[in-house]
């Protein structure tokens, strides 16, 4: 295990699109990026602790999932006629990038 740097956390956070939809917590990249200057120490400490312990919080792995019909398909009884969407927690994505 090597200590996670502030720059690694910042890079992972700002790599996320502000247009992506958040998971169940409704904490999106736009909010995290906006709050970075105020919450930087907390976010870095949290990511470092998770990385050091090899722990990925269950809440950050929980997804909201739903299926969308693909347009123009003849038979919606077929799995290929659907697009599966999963909304994941942004903090979990940041941890996974590191």
PDB file of N, CA and C in Angstrom:
ATOM      1  N   UNK A   1       0.846  -1.192   0.000  1.00  0.00           N
ATOM      2  CA  UNK A   1       0.000   0.000   0.000  1.00  0.00           C
ATOM      3  C   UNK A   1       0.879   1.239   0.000  1.00  0.00           C
ATOM      4  N   UNK A   2       0.589   2.157  -0.888  1.00  0.00           N
ATOM      5  CA  UNK A   2       1.270   3.446  -0.894  1.00  0.00           C
ATOM      6  C   UNK A   2       0.234   4.509  -0.595  1.00  0.00           C
ATOM      7  N   UNK A   3       0.655   5.517   0.144  1.00  0.00           N
ATOM      8  CA  UNK A   3      -0.260   6.590   0.513  1.00  0.00           C
ATOM      9  C   UNK A   3      -0.822   7.261  -0.740  1.00  0.00           C
ATOM     10  N   UNK A   4      -2.088   7.527  -0.715  1.00  0.00           N
ATOM     11  CA  UNK A   4      -2.763   8.196  -1.827  1.00  0.00           C
ATOM     12  C   UNK A   4      -2.488   9.695  -1.707  1.00  0.00           C
ATOM     13  N   UNK A   5      -2.023  10.294  -2.789  1.00  0.00           N
ATOM     14  CA  UNK A   5      -1.700  11.722  -2.736  1.00  0.00           C
ATOM     15  C   UNK A   5      -2.949  12.576  -2.939  1.00  0.00           C
ATOM     16  N   UNK A   6      -2.864  13.802  -2.474  1.00  0.00           N
ATOM     17  CA  UNK A   6      -3.947  14.776  -2.686  1.00  0.00           C
ATOM     18  C   UNK A   6      -4.205  14.952  -4.175  1.00  0.00           C
ATOM     19  N   UNK A   7      -3.122  14.999  -4.935  1.00  0.00           N
ATOM     20  CA  UNK A   7      -3.248  15.215  -6.377  1.00  0.00           C
ATOM     21  C   UNK A   7      -3.960  14.047  -7.050  1.00  0.00           C
ATOM     22  N   UNK A   8      -3.711  12.817  -6.595  1.00  0.00           N
ATOM     23  CA  UNK A   8      -4.409  11.648  -7.145  1.00  0.00           C
ATOM     24  C   UNK A   8      -5.910  11.754  -6.894  1.00  0.00           C
ATOM     25  N   UNK A   9      -6.274  12.146  -5.680  1.00  0.00           N
ATOM     26  CA  UNK A   9      -7.695  12.286  -5.339  1.00  0.00           C
ATOM     27  C   UNK A   9      -8.317  13.403  -6.164  1.00  0.00           C
ATOM     28  N   UNK A  10      -7.621  14.531  -6.252  1.00  0.00           N
ATOM     29  CA  UNK A  10      -8.128  15.673  -7.029  1.00  0.00           C
ATOM     30  C   UNK A  10      -8.303  15.289  -8.499  1.00  0.00           C
ATOM     31  N   UNK A  11      -7.308  14.618  -9.066  1.00  0.00           N
ATOM     32  CA  UNK A  11      -7.378  14.202 -10.470  1.00  0.00           C
ATOM     33  C   UNK A  11      -8.550  13.253 -10.694  1.00  0.00           C
ATOM     34  N   UNK A  12      -8.729  12.289  -9.790  1.00  0.00           N
ATOM     35  CA  UNK A  12      -9.841  11.338  -9.911  1.00  0.00           C
ATOM     36  C   UNK A  12     -11.186  12.047  -9.799  1.00  0.00           C
ATOM     37  N   UNK A  13     -11.276  13.012  -8.897  1.00  0.00           N
ATOM     38  CA  UNK A  13     -12.527  13.756  -8.706  1.00  0.00           C
ATOM     39  C   UNK A  13     -12.856  14.598  -9.929  1.00  0.00           C
ATOM     40  N   UNK A  14     -11.879  15.332 -10.433  1.00  0.00           N
ATOM     41  CA  UNK A  14     -12.143  16.239 -11.545  1.00  0.00           C
ATOM     42  C   UNK A  14     -12.176  15.526 -12.898  1.00  0.00           C
ATOM     43  N   UNK A  15     -11.862  14.227 -12.925  1.00  0.00           N
ATOM     44  CA  UNK A  15     -12.001  13.435 -14.147  1.00  0.00           C
ATOM     45  C   UNK A  15     -13.466  13.078 -14.391  1.00  0.00           C
ATOM     46  N   UNK A  16     -14.276  13.153 -13.351  1.00  0.00           N
ATOM     47  CA  UNK A  16     -15.699  12.825 -13.470  1.00  0.00           C
ATOM     48  C   UNK A  16     -16.469  13.930 -14.166  1.00  0.00           C
ATOM     49  N   UNK A  17     -17.413  13.544 -14.987  1.00  0.00           N
ATOM     50  CA  UNK A  17     -18.224  14.511 -15.721  1.00  0.00           C
ATOM     51  C   UNK A  17     -19.272  15.156 -14.814  1.00  0.00           C
ATOM     52  N   UNK A  18     -19.382  16.474 -14.893  1.00  0.00           N
ATOM     53  CA  UNK A  18     -20.396  17.181 -14.104  1.00  0.00           C
ATOM     54  C   UNK A  18     -21.791  16.922 -14.656  1.00  0.00           C
ATOM     55  N   UNK A  19     -21.874  16.268 -15.803  1.00  0.00           N
ATOM     56  CA  UNK A  19     -23.175  15.952 -16.401  1.00  0.00           C
ATOM     57  C   UNK A  19     -23.653  14.547 -16.045  1.00  0.00           C
ATOM     58  N   UNK A  20     -22.812  13.765 -15.346  1.00  0.00           N
ATOM     59  CA  UNK A  20     -23.229  12.404 -15.012  1.00  0.00           C
ATOM     60  C   UNK A  20     -24.259  12.427 -13.882  1.00  0.00           C
ATOM     61  N   UNK A  21     -25.141  11.465 -13.915  1.00  0.00           N
ATOM     62  CA  UNK A  21     -26.207  11.364 -12.923  1.00  0.00           C
ATOM     63  C   UNK A  21     -25.679  10.628 -11.693  1.00  0.00           C
ATOM     64  N   UNK A  22     -25.965  11.133 -10.494  1.00  0.00           N
ATOM     65  CA  UNK A  22     -25.444  10.504  -9.279  1.00  0.00           C
ATOM     66  C   UNK A  22     -26.244   9.267  -8.877  1.00  0.00           C
ATOM     67  N   UNK A  23     -25.726   8.557  -7.903  1.00  0.00           N
ATOM     68  CA  UNK A  23     -26.416   7.403  -7.342  1.00  0.00           C
ATOM     69  C   UNK A  23     -27.456   7.823  -6.318  1.00  0.00           C
ATOM     70  N   UNK A  24     -27.775   6.917  -5.408  1.00  0.00           N
ATOM     71  CA  UNK A  24     -28.857   7.119  -4.440  1.00  0.00           C
ATOM     72  C   UNK A  24     -28.642   8.316  -3.517  1.00  0.00           C
ATOM     73  N   UNK A  25     -27.396   8.652  -3.215  1.00  0.00           N
ATOM     74  CA  UNK A  25     -27.128   9.762  -2.294  1.00  0.00           C
ATOM     75  C   UNK A  25     -27.405  11.123  -2.924  1.00  0.00           C
ATOM     76  N   UNK A  26     -27.470  11.157  -4.241  1.00  0.00           N
ATOM     77  CA  UNK A  26     -27.655  12.399  -5.005  1.00  0.00           C
ATOM     78  C   UNK A  26     -26.450  13.336  -4.901  1.00  0.00           C
ATOM     79  N   UNK A  27     -25.300  12.820  -4.451  1.00  0.00           N
ATOM     80  CA  UNK A  27     -24.068  13.612  -4.409  1.00  0.00           C
ATOM     81  C   UNK A  27     -23.351  13.387  -5.734  1.00  0.00           C
ATOM     82  N   UNK A  28     -23.360  14.409  -6.581  1.00  0.00           N
ATOM     83  CA  UNK A  28     -22.781  14.262  -7.912  1.00  0.00           C
ATOM     84  C   UNK A  28     -21.406  14.918  -7.996  1.00  0.00           C
ATOM     85  N   UNK A  29     -20.751  14.742  -9.152  1.00  0.00           N
ATOM     86  CA  UNK A  29     -19.420  15.327  -9.347  1.00  0.00           C
ATOM     87  C   UNK A  29     -19.461  16.845  -9.273  1.00  0.00           C
ATOM     88  N   UNK A  30     -20.503  17.423  -9.785  1.00  0.00           N
ATOM     89  CA  UNK A  30     -20.611  18.887  -9.764  1.00  0.00           C
ATOM     90  C   UNK A  30     -20.550  19.414  -8.325  1.00  0.00           C
ATOM     91  N   UNK A  31     -21.292  18.778  -7.426  1.00  0.00           N
ATOM     92  CA  UNK A  31     -21.285  19.179  -6.017  1.00  0.00           C
ATOM     93  C   UNK A  31     -19.913  18.946  -5.383  1.00  0.00           C
ATOM     94  N   UNK A  32     -19.325  17.776  -5.623  1.00  0.00           N
ATOM     95  CA  UNK A  32     -18.020  17.461  -5.041  1.00  0.00           C
ATOM     96  C   UNK A  32     -16.938  18.414  -5.549  1.00  0.00           C
ATOM     97  N   UNK A  33     -16.985  18.732  -6.840  1.00  0.00           N
ATOM     98  CA  UNK A  33     -16.001  19.663  -7.401  1.00  0.00           C
ATOM     99  C   UNK A  33     -16.209  21.070  -6.848  1.00  0.00           C
ATOM    100  N   UNK A  34     -17.447  21.471  -6.700  1.00  0.00           N
ATOM    101  CA  UNK A  34     -17.766  22.785  -6.143  1.00  0.00           C
ATOM    102  C   UNK A  34     -17.272  22.895  -4.694  1.00  0.00           C
ATOM    103  N   UNK A  35     -17.411  21.802  -3.940  1.00  0.00           N
ATOM    104  CA  UNK A  35     -17.055  21.802  -2.518  1.00  0.00           C
ATOM    105  C   UNK A  35     -15.580  21.469  -2.264  1.00  0.00           C
ATOM    106  N   UNK A  36     -14.830  21.171  -3.309  1.00  0.00           N
ATOM    107  CA  UNK A  36     -13.447  20.715  -3.147  1.00  0.00           C
ATOM    108  C   UNK A  36     -12.610  21.649  -2.270  1.00  0.00           C
ATOM    109  N   UNK A  37     -12.647  22.935  -2.510  1.00  0.00           N
ATOM    110  CA  UNK A  37     -11.813  23.871  -1.747  1.00  0.00           C
ATOM    111  C   UNK A  37     -12.139  23.871  -0.257  1.00  0.00           C
ATOM    112  N   UNK A  38     -13.376  23.605   0.088  1.00  0.00           N
ATOM    113  CA  UNK A  38     -13.801  23.600   1.487  1.00  0.00           C
ATOM    114  C   UNK A  38     -13.617  22.214   2.116  1.00  0.00           C
ATOM    115  N   UNK A  39     -13.924  21.169   1.366  1.00  0.00           N
ATOM    116  CA  UNK A  39     -13.952  19.800   1.903  1.00  0.00           C
ATOM    117  C   UNK A  39     -12.755  18.946   1.485  1.00  0.00           C
ATOM    118  N   UNK A  40     -11.752  19.549   0.897  1.00  0.00           N
ATOM    119  CA  UNK A  40     -10.607  18.793   0.372  1.00  0.00           C
ATOM    120  C   UNK A  40      -9.997  17.862   1.418  1.00  0.00           C
ATOM    121  N   UNK A  41      -9.730  18.371   2.607  1.00  0.00           N
ATOM    122  CA  UNK A  41      -9.107  17.549   3.655  1.00  0.00           C
ATOM    123  C   UNK A  41      -9.969  16.344   4.011  1.00  0.00           C
ATOM    124  N   UNK A  42     -11.268  16.549   4.116  1.00  0.00           N
ATOM    125  CA  UNK A  42     -12.189  15.461   4.461  1.00  0.00           C
ATOM    126  C   UNK A  42     -12.236  14.411   3.351  1.00  0.00           C
ATOM    127  N   UNK A  43     -12.368  14.859   2.108  1.00  0.00           N
ATOM    128  CA  UNK A  43     -12.467  13.927   0.977  1.00  0.00           C
ATOM    129  C   UNK A  43     -11.184  13.113   0.855  1.00  0.00           C
ATOM    130  N   UNK A  44     -10.036  13.778   0.941  1.00  0.00           N
ATOM    131  CA  UNK A  44      -8.745  13.086   0.836  1.00  0.00           C
ATOM    132  C   UNK A  44      -8.584  12.088   1.979  1.00  0.00           C
ATOM    133  N   UNK A  45      -8.908  12.494   3.199  1.00  0.00           N
ATOM    134  CA  UNK A  45      -8.786  11.597   4.356  1.00  0.00           C
ATOM    135  C   UNK A  45      -9.685  10.374   4.200  1.00  0.00           C
ATOM    136  N   UNK A  46     -10.890  10.576   3.723  1.00  0.00           N
ATOM    137  CA  UNK A  46     -11.833   9.470   3.537  1.00  0.00           C
ATOM    138  C   UNK A  46     -11.331   8.483   2.481  1.00  0.00           C
ATOM    139  N   UNK A  47     -10.859   8.994   1.359  1.00  0.00           N
ATOM    140  CA  UNK A  47     -10.340   8.127   0.295  1.00  0.00           C
ATOM    141  C   UNK A  47      -9.079   7.403   0.770  1.00  0.00           C
ATOM    142  N   UNK A  48      -8.192   8.112   1.463  1.00  0.00           N
ATOM    143  CA  UNK A  48      -6.969   7.484   1.991  1.00  0.00           C
ATOM    144  C   UNK A  48      -7.293   6.360   2.969  1.00  0.00           C
ATOM    145  N   UNK A  49      -8.247   6.601   3.851  1.00  0.00           N
ATOM    146  CA  UNK A  49      -8.630   5.591   4.833  1.00  0.00           C
ATOM    147  C   UNK A  49      -9.197   4.352   4.142  1.00  0.00           C
ATOM    148  N   UNK A  50     -10.074   4.558   3.190  1.00  0.00           N
ATOM    149  CA  UNK A  50     -10.654   3.425   2.451  1.00  0.00           C
ATOM    150  C   UNK A  50      -9.566   2.644   1.720  1.00  0.00           C
ATOM    151  N   UNK A  51      -8.646   3.364   1.068  1.00  0.00           N
ATOM    152  CA  UNK A  51      -7.565   2.700   0.332  1.00  0.00           C
ATOM    153  C   UNK A  51      -6.640   1.941   1.278  1.00  0.00           C
ATOM    154  N   UNK A  52      -6.302   2.537   2.403  1.00  0.00           N
ATOM    155  CA  UNK A  52      -5.397   1.901   3.367  1.00  0.00           C
ATOM    156  C   UNK A  52      -5.999   0.627   3.948  1.00  0.00           C
ATOM    157  N   UNK A  53      -7.304   0.648   4.168  1.00  0.00           N
ATOM    158  CA  UNK A  53      -7.982  -0.506   4.757  1.00  0.00           C
ATOM    159  C   UNK A  53      -8.430  -1.512   3.703  1.00  0.00           C
ATOM    160  N   UNK A  54      -8.322  -1.134   2.428  1.00  0.00           N
ATOM    161  CA  UNK A  54      -8.832  -2.003   1.369  1.00  0.00           C
ATOM    162  C   UNK A  54     -10.342  -2.133   1.455  1.00  0.00           C
ATOM    163  N   UNK A  55     -10.984  -1.070   1.874  1.00  0.00           N
ATOM    164  CA  UNK A  55     -12.427  -1.076   2.142  1.00  0.00           C
ATOM    165  C   UNK A  55     -13.157  -0.211   1.125  1.00  0.00           C
ATOM    166  N   UNK A  56     -14.188  -0.785   0.537  1.00  0.00           N
ATOM    167  CA  UNK A  56     -15.053  -0.050  -0.386  1.00  0.00           C
ATOM    168  C   UNK A  56     -16.454  -0.063   0.233  1.00  0.00           C
ATOM    169  N   UNK A  57     -16.901   1.067   0.806  1.00  0.00           N
ATOM    170  CA  UNK A  57     -18.196   1.087   1.499  1.00  0.00           C
ATOM    171  C   UNK A  57     -19.339   0.536   0.638  1.00  0.00           C
ATOM    172  N   UNK A  58     -20.174  -0.266   1.253  1.00  0.00           N
ATOM    173  CA  UNK A  58     -21.300  -0.885   0.550  1.00  0.00           C
ATOM    174  C   UNK A  58     -22.170   0.157  -0.135  1.00  0.00           C
ATOM    175  N   UNK A  59     -22.405   1.270   0.530  1.00  0.00           N
ATOM    176  CA  UNK A  59     -23.230   2.338  -0.048  1.00  0.00           C
ATOM    177  C   UNK A  59     -22.650   2.829  -1.373  1.00  0.00           C
ATOM    178  N   UNK A  60     -21.335   2.854  -1.472  1.00  0.00           N
ATOM    179  CA  UNK A  60     -20.686   3.336  -2.691  1.00  0.00           C
ATOM    180  C   UNK A  60     -20.733   2.300  -3.809  1.00  0.00           C
ATOM    181  N   UNK A  61     -21.050   1.044  -3.478  1.00  0.00           N
ATOM    182  CA  UNK A  61     -21.136  -0.014  -4.487  1.00  0.00           C
ATOM    183  C   UNK A  61     -22.579  -0.291  -4.903  1.00  0.00           C
ATOM    184  N   UNK A  62     -23.521   0.296  -4.206  1.00  0.00           N
ATOM    185  CA  UNK A  62     -24.930   0.073  -4.501  1.00  0.00           C
ATOM    186  C   UNK A  62     -25.338   0.911  -5.705  1.00  0.00           C
ATOM    187  N   UNK A  63     -26.030   0.287  -6.636  1.00  0.00           N
ATOM    188  CA  UNK A  63     -26.436   0.987  -7.852  1.00  0.00           C
ATOM    189  C   UNK A  63     -27.953   1.074  -7.938  1.00  0.00           C
ATOM    190  N   UNK A  64     -28.408   2.130  -8.566  1.00  0.00           N
ATOM    191  CA  UNK A  64     -29.803   2.227  -8.979  1.00  0.00           C
ATOM    192  C   UNK A  64     -29.798   1.750 -10.424  1.00  0.00           C
ATOM    193  N   UNK A  65     -30.568   0.725 -10.717  1.00  0.00           N
ATOM    194  CA  UNK A  65     -30.548   0.149 -12.060  1.00  0.00           C
ATOM    195  C   UNK A  65     -31.935   0.208 -12.691  1.00  0.00           C
ATOM    196  N   UNK A  66     -31.930   0.442 -13.981  1.00  0.00           N
ATOM    197  CA  UNK A  66     -33.182   0.398 -14.729  1.00  0.00           C
ATOM    198  C   UNK A  66     -32.884   0.073 -16.182  1.00  0.00           C
ATOM    199  N   UNK A  67     -33.911  -0.306 -16.915  1.00  0.00           N
ATOM    200  CA  UNK A  67     -33.760  -0.695 -18.318  1.00  0.00           C
ATOM    201  C   UNK A  67     -34.517   0.283 -19.212  1.00  0.00           C
ATOM    202  N   UNK A  68     -33.883   0.637 -20.310  1.00  0.00           N
ATOM    203  CA  UNK A  68     -34.505   1.504 -21.313  1.00  0.00           C
ATOM    204  C   UNK A  68     -34.682   0.717 -22.599  1.00  0.00           C
ATOM    205  N   UNK A  69     -35.814   0.903 -23.239  1.00  0.00           N
ATOM    206  CA  UNK A  69     -36.031   0.256 -24.530  1.00  0.00           C
ATOM    207  C   UNK A  69     -35.146   0.895 -25.588  1.00  0.00           C
ATOM    208  N   UNK A  70     -34.493   0.054 -26.396  1.00  0.00           N
ATOM    209  CA  UNK A  70     -33.751   0.576 -27.538  1.00  0.00           C
ATOM    210  C   UNK A  70     -34.768   0.867 -28.635  1.00  0.00           C
ATOM    211  N   UNK A  71     -34.690   2.018 -29.264  1.00  0.00           N
ATOM    212  CA  UNK A  71     -35.683   2.360 -30.280  1.00  0.00           C
ATOM    213  C   UNK A  71     -35.583   1.460 -31.514  1.00  0.00           C
ATOM    214  N   UNK A  72     -36.735   1.192 -32.099  1.00  0.00           N
ATOM    215  CA  UNK A  72     -36.805   0.470 -33.363  1.00  0.00           C
ATOM    216  C   UNK A  72     -36.640  -1.034 -33.276  1.00  0.00           C
ATOM    217  N   UNK A  73     -36.695  -1.614 -32.103  1.00  0.00           N
ATOM    218  CA  UNK A  73     -36.575  -3.069 -31.969  1.00  0.00           C
ATOM    219  C   UNK A  73     -37.951  -3.700 -32.164  1.00  0.00           C
ATOM    220  N   UNK A  74     -37.976  -4.848 -32.834  1.00  0.00           N
ATOM    221  CA  UNK A  74     -39.246  -5.510 -33.142  1.00  0.00           C
ATOM    222  C   UNK A  74     -39.801  -6.287 -31.954  1.00  0.00           C
ATOM    223  N   UNK A  75     -38.930  -6.890 -31.177  1.00  0.00           N
ATOM    224  CA  UNK A  75     -39.388  -7.761 -30.094  1.00  0.00           C
ATOM    225  C   UNK A  75     -38.747  -7.328 -28.771  1.00  0.00           C
ATOM    226  N   UNK A  76     -39.532  -6.677 -27.917  1.00  0.00           N
ATOM    227  CA  UNK A  76     -39.015  -6.231 -26.625  1.00  0.00           C
ATOM    228  C   UNK A  76     -38.997  -7.356 -25.591  1.00  0.00           C
ATOM    229  N   UNK A  77     -39.316  -8.560 -26.022  1.00  0.00           N
ATOM    230  CA  UNK A  77     -39.180  -9.738 -25.176  1.00  0.00           C
ATOM    231  C   UNK A  77     -37.747 -10.267 -25.186  1.00  0.00           C
ATOM    232  N   UNK A  78     -36.926  -9.725 -26.073  1.00  0.00           N
ATOM    233  CA  UNK A  78     -35.529 -10.143 -26.202  1.00  0.00           C
ATOM    234  C   UNK A  78     -34.628  -9.224 -25.364  1.00  0.00           C
ATOM    235  N   UNK A  79     -33.687  -9.791 -24.637  1.00  0.00           N
ATOM    236  CA  UNK A  79     -32.794  -8.973 -23.805  1.00  0.00           C
ATOM    237  C   UNK A  79     -32.018  -7.913 -24.591  1.00  0.00           C
ATOM    238  N   UNK A  80     -31.668  -8.203 -25.833  1.00  0.00           N
ATOM    239  CA  UNK A  80     -30.898  -7.247 -26.641  1.00  0.00           C
ATOM    240  C   UNK A  80     -31.697  -6.012 -27.036  1.00  0.00           C
ATOM    241  N   UNK A  81     -32.976  -6.023 -26.792  1.00  0.00           N
ATOM    242  CA  UNK A  81     -33.824  -4.882 -27.130  1.00  0.00           C
ATOM    243  C   UNK A  81     -33.812  -3.829 -26.021  1.00  0.00           C
ATOM    244  N   UNK A  82     -33.051  -4.079 -24.989  1.00  0.00           N
ATOM    245  CA  UNK A  82     -33.027  -3.189 -23.829  1.00  0.00           C
ATOM    246  C   UNK A  82     -31.609  -2.700 -23.538  1.00  0.00           C
ATOM    247  N   UNK A  83     -31.492  -1.490 -23.045  1.00  0.00           N
ATOM    248  CA  UNK A  83     -30.213  -0.930 -22.588  1.00  0.00           C
ATOM    249  C   UNK A  83     -30.298  -0.819 -21.064  1.00  0.00           C
ATOM    250  N   UNK A  84     -29.368  -1.479 -20.386  1.00  0.00           N
ATOM    251  CA  UNK A  84     -29.357  -1.451 -18.924  1.00  0.00           C
ATOM    252  C   UNK A  84     -28.515  -0.270 -18.440  1.00  0.00           C
ATOM    253  N   UNK A  85     -29.062   0.487 -17.521  1.00  0.00           N
ATOM    254  CA  UNK A  85     -28.401   1.667 -16.969  1.00  0.00           C
ATOM    255  C   UNK A  85     -28.208   1.456 -15.469  1.00  0.00           C
ATOM    256  N   UNK A  86     -27.012   1.752 -14.980  1.00  0.00           N
ATOM    257  CA  UNK A  86     -26.737   1.679 -13.545  1.00  0.00           C
ATOM    258  C   UNK A  86     -26.197   3.022 -13.086  1.00  0.00           C
ATOM    259  N   UNK A  87     -26.802   3.581 -12.075  1.00  0.00           N
ATOM    260  CA  UNK A  87     -26.342   4.841 -11.498  1.00  0.00           C
ATOM    261  C   UNK A  87     -25.531   4.513 -10.250  1.00  0.00           C
ATOM    262  N   UNK A  88     -24.244   4.811 -10.300  1.00  0.00           N
ATOM    263  CA  UNK A  88     -23.329   4.492  -9.204  1.00  0.00           C
ATOM    264  C   UNK A  88     -22.941   5.748  -8.442  1.00  0.00           C
ATOM    265  N   UNK A  89     -22.517   5.565  -7.212  1.00  0.00           N
ATOM    266  CA  UNK A  89     -22.088   6.679  -6.369  1.00  0.00           C
ATOM    267  C   UNK A  89     -20.775   7.274  -6.883  1.00  0.00           C
ATOM    268  N   UNK A  90     -20.708   8.582  -6.962  1.00  0.00           N
ATOM    269  CA  UNK A  90     -19.510   9.276  -7.447  1.00  0.00           C
ATOM    270  C   UNK A  90     -18.304   9.016  -6.549  1.00  0.00           C
ATOM    271  N   UNK A  91     -18.491   8.976  -5.245  1.00  0.00           N
ATOM    272  CA  UNK A  91     -17.365   8.715  -4.341  1.00  0.00           C
ATOM    273  C   UNK A  91     -16.786   7.320  -4.596  1.00  0.00           C
ATOM    274  N   UNK A  92     -17.636   6.356  -4.909  1.00  0.00           N
ATOM    275  CA  UNK A  92     -17.164   5.016  -5.240  1.00  0.00           C
ATOM    276  C   UNK A  92     -16.352   5.013  -6.525  1.00  0.00           C
ATOM    277  N   UNK A  93     -16.780   5.805  -7.495  1.00  0.00           N
ATOM    278  CA  UNK A  93     -16.039   5.905  -8.758  1.00  0.00           C
ATOM    279  C   UNK A  93     -14.673   6.543  -8.531  1.00  0.00           C
ATOM    280  N   UNK A  94     -14.618   7.535  -7.660  1.00  0.00           N
ATOM    281  CA  UNK A  94     -13.344   8.193  -7.344  1.00  0.00           C
ATOM    282  C   UNK A  94     -12.394   7.178  -6.707  1.00  0.00           C
ATOM    283  N   UNK A  95     -12.891   6.415  -5.746  1.00  0.00           N
ATOM    284  CA  UNK A  95     -12.070   5.404  -5.076  1.00  0.00           C
ATOM    285  C   UNK A  95     -11.577   4.362  -6.081  1.00  0.00           C
ATOM    286  N   UNK A  96     -12.427   3.943  -6.997  1.00  0.00           N
ATOM    287  CA  UNK A  96     -12.041   2.945  -7.997  1.00  0.00           C
ATOM    288  C   UNK A  96     -10.977   3.478  -8.951  1.00  0.00           C
ATOM    289  N   UNK A  97     -11.008   4.762  -9.253  1.00  0.00           N
ATOM    290  CA  UNK A  97      -9.997   5.348 -10.143  1.00  0.00           C
ATOM    291  C   UNK A  97      -8.609   5.334  -9.508  1.00  0.00           C
ATOM    292  N   UNK A  98      -8.597   5.339  -8.187  1.00  0.00           N
ATOM    293  CA  UNK A  98      -7.307   5.374  -7.476  1.00  0.00           C
ATOM    294  C   UNK A  98      -6.870   3.962  -7.213  1.00  0.00           C
TER     295      UNK A  98
END
